[in-house]
Protein backbone atom coordinates (compact mmCIF):
# COMPACT_ATOMS: atom_id res chain seq x y z
CA MET A 1 130.55 108.35 72.88
CA LYS A 2 129.70 109.49 76.14
CA THR A 3 129.24 107.02 79.00
CA THR A 4 125.86 106.88 80.86
CA ALA A 5 127.46 109.03 83.74
CA GLN A 6 128.74 111.50 81.27
CA GLN A 7 125.36 112.04 79.57
CA GLN A 8 123.57 112.38 83.10
CA ARG A 9 126.28 114.95 84.12
CA ALA A 10 125.71 116.80 80.75
CA TRP A 11 122.15 117.49 81.67
CA THR A 12 122.00 120.72 83.40
CA GLY A 13 118.31 121.21 83.84
CA PRO A 14 116.05 119.89 86.71
CA VAL A 15 117.36 116.99 88.66
CA ILE A 16 113.93 115.21 88.27
CA LEU A 17 114.62 114.87 84.45
CA LYS A 18 118.10 113.37 85.15
CA ASN A 19 116.68 109.84 85.17
CA GLY A 20 113.57 108.26 83.83
CA PHE A 21 112.37 106.99 87.22
CA ARG A 22 112.39 110.26 89.08
CA LEU A 23 109.49 112.08 87.61
CA PHE A 24 107.47 109.12 86.78
CA PHE A 25 107.65 107.39 90.19
CA LEU A 26 106.69 110.82 91.69
CA MET A 27 103.64 111.19 89.29
CA ALA A 28 102.66 107.47 90.09
CA GLY A 29 102.66 108.03 93.72
CA LEU A 30 100.77 111.35 93.61
CA TRP A 31 98.18 109.79 91.18
CA ALA A 32 97.68 106.73 93.35
CA VAL A 33 96.82 109.21 96.09
CA LEU A 34 94.69 111.54 94.06
CA ALA A 35 92.85 109.12 91.96
CA MET A 36 91.91 107.11 95.21
CA VAL A 37 90.56 110.39 96.93
CA LEU A 38 88.58 111.02 93.91
CA TRP A 39 87.30 107.55 93.90
CA ILE A 40 86.13 107.86 97.36
CA LEU A 41 84.60 111.18 96.99
CA THR A 42 82.81 109.92 93.97
CA LEU A 43 81.28 106.96 95.89
CA THR A 44 79.88 109.29 98.55
CA GLY A 45 78.44 111.71 95.90
CA ALA A 46 80.65 114.54 96.86
CA VAL A 47 82.33 114.83 93.49
CA SER A 48 81.12 113.90 89.96
CA LEU A 49 83.86 113.95 87.38
CA PRO A 50 82.94 115.27 83.77
CA SER A 51 84.08 111.99 82.46
CA ALA A 52 82.47 109.70 79.86
CA LEU A 53 83.38 106.81 81.90
CA ASP A 54 80.96 105.61 84.64
CA PRO A 55 82.74 105.74 88.14
CA VAL A 56 83.71 102.27 88.24
CA SER A 57 85.31 102.23 84.74
CA TRP A 58 87.25 105.15 85.56
CA HIS A 59 88.60 103.94 88.67
CA ALA A 60 89.78 100.75 87.02
CA HIS A 61 91.12 102.63 84.03
CA GLU A 62 93.04 105.11 86.05
CA PHE A 63 94.80 102.37 88.23
CA LEU A 64 95.74 100.45 85.09
CA TRP A 65 96.41 103.04 82.48
CA GLY A 66 97.33 105.84 84.86
CA TYR A 67 99.05 104.63 87.89
CA PHE A 68 100.58 101.38 86.63
CA THR A 69 101.83 102.77 83.26
CA ALA A 70 103.64 105.55 84.98
CA VAL A 71 105.55 103.15 87.21
CA MET A 72 106.31 100.91 84.13
CA ALA A 73 107.74 104.02 82.24
CA GLY A 74 109.85 104.91 85.16
CA PHE A 75 111.25 101.45 85.57
CA LEU A 76 111.79 100.58 81.84
CA LEU A 77 113.44 103.93 81.06
CA THR A 78 115.88 103.17 83.77
CA ALA A 79 116.26 99.50 83.14
CA VAL A 80 116.40 99.38 79.25
CA PRO A 81 119.74 101.16 79.24
CA ASN A 82 121.33 98.50 81.54
CA TRP A 83 119.83 95.78 79.44
CA THR A 84 121.23 97.26 76.02
CA GLY A 85 124.40 99.08 77.03
CA ARG A 86 123.03 102.10 75.33
CA LEU A 87 122.69 105.65 76.81
CA PRO A 88 119.64 106.50 78.89
CA VAL A 89 116.74 108.79 77.86
CA VAL A 90 117.05 111.77 79.96
CA GLY A 91 116.02 115.47 80.02
CA TRP A 92 113.35 116.83 77.62
CA PRO A 93 112.39 113.56 76.10
CA VAL A 94 111.49 112.28 79.53
CA ALA A 95 109.32 115.58 80.14
CA THR A 96 107.47 115.10 76.79
CA LEU A 97 106.60 111.45 77.65
CA ALA A 98 105.36 112.65 81.06
CA GLY A 99 103.31 115.38 79.44
CA LEU A 100 101.70 112.80 77.06
CA TRP A 101 100.92 110.80 80.33
CA LEU A 102 99.41 113.75 81.95
CA LEU A 103 97.42 114.76 78.85
CA GLY A 104 95.85 111.29 78.92
CA ARG A 105 94.82 111.76 82.69
CA MET A 106 93.19 115.08 81.83
CA ALA A 107 91.41 113.97 78.69
CA VAL A 108 89.91 110.88 80.37
CA ALA A 109 88.72 113.02 83.52
CA VAL A 110 86.89 115.61 81.41
CA SER A 111 85.96 113.01 78.37
CA ALA A 112 82.39 114.10 78.56
CA TRP A 113 83.33 117.35 77.16
CA LEU A 114 85.47 116.07 74.34
CA PRO A 115 84.72 114.18 71.07
CA PRO A 116 85.48 110.35 71.86
CA VAL A 117 88.13 110.28 69.21
CA VAL A 118 90.02 113.02 70.78
CA THR A 119 89.91 111.40 74.23
CA THR A 120 91.13 108.17 72.78
CA LEU A 121 94.03 109.63 70.77
CA ALA A 122 95.04 111.75 73.69
CA ASP A 123 95.01 108.82 76.16
CA ALA A 124 96.81 106.48 73.71
CA ALA A 125 99.61 108.90 72.77
CA PHE A 126 101.65 108.22 75.90
CA LEU A 127 101.97 104.27 75.46
CA ALA A 128 102.51 104.79 71.67
CA GLY A 129 105.36 107.09 72.27
CA LEU A 130 106.84 104.86 75.15
CA ALA A 131 106.70 101.77 73.11
CA ILE A 132 108.49 103.60 70.19
CA VAL A 133 111.27 104.88 72.58
CA LEU A 134 111.87 101.38 74.14
CA GLY A 135 111.49 99.56 71.05
CA ARG A 136 114.08 101.69 69.30
CA GLU A 137 116.56 101.39 72.14
CA ILE A 138 116.05 97.59 72.38
CA ILE A 139 116.38 96.91 68.61
CA ILE A 140 119.41 99.20 68.07
CA GLY A 141 120.94 97.47 71.02
CA ARG A 142 120.17 94.09 69.49
CA ASN A 143 118.68 92.95 72.95
CA TRP A 144 116.16 90.67 71.41
CA ARG A 145 115.15 88.90 74.59
CA ASN A 146 113.55 91.95 75.94
CA LEU A 147 111.39 92.58 73.02
CA MET A 148 108.78 90.79 74.78
CA VAL A 149 108.72 93.62 77.31
CA VAL A 150 107.86 96.09 74.46
CA ALA A 151 105.14 93.52 73.24
CA MET A 152 103.63 93.94 76.75
CA VAL A 153 103.53 97.66 76.41
CA VAL A 154 101.94 97.47 72.99
CA LEU A 155 99.34 95.07 74.54
CA LEU A 156 98.52 97.66 77.27
CA LEU A 157 98.01 100.29 74.32
CA ILE A 158 95.73 97.90 72.40
CA GLY A 159 93.77 97.21 75.78
CA ASN A 160 93.58 100.96 76.24
CA ILE A 161 91.99 101.53 72.78
CA LEU A 162 89.56 98.81 73.19
CA TYR A 163 88.52 100.26 76.71
CA HIS A 164 87.74 103.61 74.99
CA LEU A 165 85.87 101.77 72.18
CA GLU A 166 83.77 99.81 74.69
CA VAL A 167 82.88 103.20 76.35
CA ILE A 168 81.90 104.73 72.99
CA MET A 169 79.69 101.66 72.30
CA GLY A 170 77.95 102.02 75.78
CA ALA A 171 79.42 98.74 77.07
CA TYR A 172 80.46 98.35 80.77
CA ALA A 173 84.20 98.77 80.10
CA ALA A 174 85.28 97.72 83.71
CA GLU A 175 84.23 94.13 82.81
CA ASP A 176 85.09 93.88 79.11
CA ILE A 177 87.85 92.69 77.10
CA GLY A 178 89.84 95.89 77.02
CA LEU A 179 90.41 95.78 80.84
CA ARG A 180 91.41 91.91 80.42
CA VAL A 181 93.90 92.68 77.74
CA GLY A 182 95.48 95.48 79.73
CA LEU A 183 95.33 93.74 82.97
CA GLY A 184 96.79 90.57 81.64
CA ALA A 185 99.67 92.43 80.02
CA ALA A 186 100.37 93.93 83.29
CA VAL A 187 100.43 90.81 85.17
CA MET A 188 102.65 89.13 82.61
CA LEU A 189 105.02 92.26 83.09
CA ILE A 190 105.05 91.64 86.86
CA LEU A 191 105.78 87.87 86.30
CA LEU A 192 108.50 88.60 83.60
CA ILE A 193 110.37 91.36 85.28
CA GLY A 194 109.42 90.49 88.93
CA GLY A 195 110.71 86.87 88.04
CA ARG A 196 114.00 88.21 87.24
CA VAL A 197 114.63 90.74 90.00
CA THR A 198 113.15 88.90 93.00
CA PRO A 199 115.57 85.94 92.90
CA SER A 200 118.51 88.08 91.82
CA PHE A 201 117.99 90.78 94.57
CA THR A 202 117.49 87.76 97.03
CA ARG A 203 120.65 86.05 95.97
CA ASN A 204 122.65 89.19 96.39
CA TRP A 205 121.38 89.99 99.75
CA MET A 206 121.88 86.32 100.95
CA VAL A 207 125.54 86.27 99.82
CA LYS A 208 126.21 89.40 101.54
CA GLN A 209 124.74 87.82 104.77
CA GLY A 210 126.92 84.65 104.29
CA LEU A 211 123.80 82.47 103.72
CA THR A 212 124.64 79.30 101.50
CA LYS A 213 121.42 77.92 100.42
CA LEU A 214 120.70 80.34 97.66
CA PRO A 215 117.61 80.83 95.35
CA ALA A 216 117.22 78.35 92.60
CA SER A 217 118.81 79.58 89.40
CA LEU A 218 116.38 80.51 86.57
CA GLY A 219 115.81 77.52 84.33
CA ARG A 220 113.30 75.08 82.46
CA PHE A 221 110.88 75.18 85.25
CA ASP A 222 110.53 79.06 85.32
CA GLN A 223 109.85 78.94 81.59
CA ILE A 224 107.19 76.42 82.08
CA ALA A 225 105.63 78.39 84.86
CA LEU A 226 105.64 81.55 82.80
CA LEU A 227 104.24 79.91 79.61
CA GLY A 228 101.33 78.38 81.90
CA ALA A 229 100.77 81.86 83.15
CA GLY A 230 100.63 83.25 79.54
CA VAL A 231 98.09 80.45 78.40
CA ALA A 232 96.02 81.08 81.40
CA VAL A 233 95.92 84.77 80.72
CA ILE A 234 95.06 84.35 77.02
CA SER A 235 92.30 82.09 77.96
CA TRP A 236 90.93 84.63 80.64
CA ILE A 237 90.91 87.34 78.12
CA PHE A 238 88.90 85.41 75.45
CA ALA A 239 86.86 83.17 77.40
CA PRO A 240 86.71 84.55 81.05
CA THR A 241 83.77 82.24 82.22
CA ALA A 242 84.96 79.03 80.77
CA THR A 243 85.75 76.23 83.20
CA LEU A 244 89.00 75.54 81.32
CA THR A 245 90.02 78.98 81.91
CA ALA A 246 89.57 78.42 85.64
CA GLU A 247 91.42 75.37 85.62
CA LEU A 248 94.29 76.96 83.66
CA ASN A 249 94.56 79.76 86.12
CA LEU A 250 94.70 77.39 89.13
CA LEU A 251 97.44 75.59 87.31
CA ALA A 252 99.23 78.75 86.66
CA GLY A 253 98.95 79.88 90.34
CA ALA A 254 100.18 76.77 91.55
CA LEU A 255 103.15 76.67 89.24
CA ASN A 256 104.23 80.26 90.01
CA LEU A 257 103.90 79.59 93.74
CA VAL A 258 106.26 76.60 93.51
CA ARG A 259 108.51 78.85 91.46
CA LEU A 260 108.41 81.50 94.27
CA ALA A 261 109.08 78.81 97.00
CA ARG A 262 112.45 78.11 95.18
CA TRP A 263 113.64 81.66 95.85
CA GLN A 264 114.23 81.32 99.61
CA GLY A 265 111.98 84.33 100.59
CA HIS A 266 111.44 83.01 104.11
CA LYS A 267 115.12 83.88 104.83
CA THR A 268 114.73 87.47 104.00
CA TRP A 269 112.57 88.35 106.84
CA ARG A 270 115.31 90.69 108.31
CA GLU A 271 115.32 92.86 105.13
CA PRO A 272 111.85 94.17 104.19
CA LEU A 273 113.17 95.69 101.02
CA VAL A 274 113.85 92.20 99.65
CA LEU A 275 110.96 90.41 101.52
CA VAL A 276 108.44 92.62 99.90
CA LEU A 277 109.41 91.39 96.35
CA HIS A 278 108.22 88.10 97.36
CA PHE A 279 104.96 89.28 98.64
CA GLY A 280 104.43 91.08 95.36
CA PHE A 281 105.39 88.00 93.25
CA GLY A 282 103.23 85.78 95.64
CA PHE A 283 100.11 87.84 95.39
CA THR A 284 100.51 87.89 91.59
CA ALA A 285 100.40 84.09 91.78
CA ILE A 286 97.67 83.97 94.22
CA GLY A 287 95.65 86.25 91.77
CA PHE A 288 95.71 83.29 89.37
CA LEU A 289 94.35 81.03 91.99
CA SER A 290 91.55 83.70 92.95
CA ILE A 291 90.30 83.84 89.40
CA GLY A 292 90.05 80.16 89.12
CA LEU A 293 88.34 79.78 92.64
CA ALA A 294 85.84 82.61 91.69
CA HIS A 295 84.65 80.41 88.90
CA PHE A 296 84.07 77.35 91.30
CA SER A 297 82.65 79.30 94.14
CA THR A 298 80.04 81.57 92.61
CA GLY A 299 78.19 83.57 95.34
CA VAL A 300 80.91 83.11 97.66
CA PHE A 301 84.02 84.97 96.03
CA ALA A 302 83.45 87.53 93.27
CA VAL A 303 85.43 87.89 90.19
CA ALA A 304 86.05 91.61 91.08
CA GLY A 305 87.67 90.59 94.25
CA ALA A 306 89.82 88.09 92.45
CA GLN A 307 90.93 90.66 90.07
CA HIS A 308 91.91 93.10 92.91
CA VAL A 309 94.30 90.38 94.23
CA TRP A 310 96.14 91.00 90.98
CA MET A 311 95.80 94.73 91.06
CA VAL A 312 96.08 95.83 94.64
CA GLY A 313 98.24 92.76 95.64
CA GLY A 314 100.40 91.85 92.70
CA ILE A 315 100.76 95.15 90.92
CA GLY A 316 100.52 97.48 93.93
CA THR A 317 102.87 95.66 96.17
CA MET A 318 105.33 94.91 93.28
CA THR A 319 105.32 98.35 91.83
CA LEU A 320 105.81 99.85 95.41
CA ALA A 321 108.68 97.35 96.11
CA MET A 322 110.46 98.34 92.74
CA MET A 323 109.88 102.23 93.23
CA THR A 324 111.41 102.19 96.71
CA ARG A 325 114.27 100.00 95.83
CA ALA A 326 115.12 101.88 92.47
CA SER A 327 114.74 105.29 94.07
CA LEU A 328 117.22 104.31 97.02
CA GLY A 329 119.79 102.59 94.82
CA HIS A 330 119.93 105.22 92.00
CA SER A 331 120.14 108.07 94.31
CA GLY A 332 123.08 106.70 96.20
CA ARG A 333 121.28 105.57 99.49
CA ALA A 334 121.78 102.34 101.26
CA LEU A 335 119.43 99.46 99.94
CA THR A 336 117.85 98.86 103.20
CA ALA A 337 114.13 99.44 104.46
CA THR A 338 114.02 102.23 107.29
CA PRO A 339 110.89 101.71 109.66
CA SER A 340 109.04 104.25 107.56
CA ILE A 341 109.62 102.34 104.41
CA SER A 342 108.52 99.16 106.13
CA LEU A 343 105.29 100.96 107.02
CA ILE A 344 104.68 101.48 103.21
CA TYR A 345 104.97 97.74 102.74
CA PHE A 346 102.90 96.89 105.65
CA ALA A 347 99.99 99.17 104.48
CA ILE A 348 99.90 97.96 100.83
CA ILE A 349 99.88 94.29 102.21
CA ALA A 350 97.06 95.22 104.71
CA ALA A 351 95.24 96.96 101.59
CA THR A 352 95.41 93.62 99.77
CA LEU A 353 94.17 91.48 102.46
CA THR A 354 91.34 93.75 103.41
CA ARG A 355 90.25 94.12 99.73
CA PHE A 356 90.32 90.29 99.40
CA ALA A 357 88.28 89.94 102.70
CA ALA A 358 85.75 92.38 101.23
CA GLY A 359 85.02 89.95 98.41
CA VAL A 360 84.09 87.20 100.84
CA PHE A 361 82.88 88.76 104.17
CA GLU A 362 80.54 91.46 105.35
CA PRO A 363 80.26 94.27 105.92
CA HIS A 364 81.55 94.69 102.23
CA ASP A 365 81.53 98.52 101.92
CA LEU A 366 83.28 98.93 105.33
CA LEU A 367 86.00 96.53 104.45
CA ILE A 368 86.54 98.35 100.88
CA SER A 369 86.61 101.59 102.89
CA ILE A 370 89.43 100.35 105.13
CA ALA A 371 91.32 98.78 102.09
CA GLY A 372 91.17 102.40 100.58
CA GLY A 373 92.57 103.76 103.80
CA PHE A 374 95.62 101.46 103.83
CA TRP A 375 96.14 102.26 100.11
CA LEU A 376 96.28 105.93 100.93
CA LEU A 377 98.60 105.35 103.85
CA ALA A 378 101.01 103.21 101.57
CA PHE A 379 101.10 105.75 98.88
CA GLY A 380 100.91 108.88 101.00
CA SER A 381 103.80 107.60 102.96
CA PHE A 382 105.66 106.93 99.56
CA VAL A 383 105.07 110.43 98.41
CA VAL A 384 106.16 112.17 101.76
CA ILE A 385 109.25 109.81 102.12
CA PHE A 386 110.52 109.79 98.53
CA TRP A 387 109.55 113.33 97.11
CA PRO A 388 112.90 114.72 98.52
CA ILE A 389 114.91 111.81 97.29
CA LEU A 390 113.37 112.01 93.67
CA VAL A 391 113.77 115.72 93.34
CA ARG A 392 117.31 116.16 94.74
CA ALA A 393 120.66 115.24 93.24
CA PRO A 394 122.06 111.69 94.14
CA ILE A 395 124.39 111.18 97.22
CA LYS A 396 128.00 111.04 96.35
CA ARG A 397 129.65 108.04 98.01
CA GLY A 398 133.12 107.93 99.03
């Protein structure tokens, strides 16, 4: 049997297909920029997409099932071989999955010209294919603990199908159950994976720095915090306006902030590549608090603003943190943030804070525009800096 390195060397096609993360991270960055530009142009009336989705529903859909799923695919196709000890998926299977992702983006963009069932099937094909590929690898590798990750991918698929059904029925999909199922699954993935890598990478960095008080080991409290988050998400999916849902989200947010505080993030300020992981996890926890506070502060803080704490802050920050780190590490480069990479982190954090402020303060529209500008700065910088890294062969050390 070939080793991972041998199989990757056996691939003689384009370098961008040599690892799962390369093509998907590049597509995610490009789509984050293009989709935001299209959203801004749509708001100004300069562009009108031939989509069956209203502009807000398209915007929400393409963040979650466009951008996020591309990052998720790139990360999981790279991580699962490490979890299972099996060979990675490389080459044309990666290209096929990428083609299915692109098919979904095109189908949704021109869905007004297509039969609804065609749009739905075209957009669902990517996540279905990804779930099959990942599930097969995890089951054959008998890596049962990570079946939960595949379950979250399947929930994203279910949420996507529900979203399309809501559009077909004339519902406002941006505020319906399909979005909550998909967003809830994405948030749980951030807590699951971010909850592993953040303390692990922090510990590794602190040991290299000679620091002694290390992050708390994962244990019963982490399980309780994760369970609390899962219960809160389920309640939010099915009863978003219930007082109990708000209370459960406040509890989940508090538990996960305590969990974060145990990981010694304040000691990593000298290395933004590590520190940004703590920001991403922290924004995810604050997202739970925001969902709860939105219920008890009607008229002061909008639910949409609370959801953006999860989407821009939690998902946006954590995915950029993981894309930059994985791209550097798997290409043979040093795991440290240059000033230009630190600018990416500053911009996404600024986008989060500005978008949060837009839900509370006036002028609302101006603050949203500024947040969009910071988002474009973050992802535009990512594309410019990491494009050559992702399309070129890894640096050989030694």
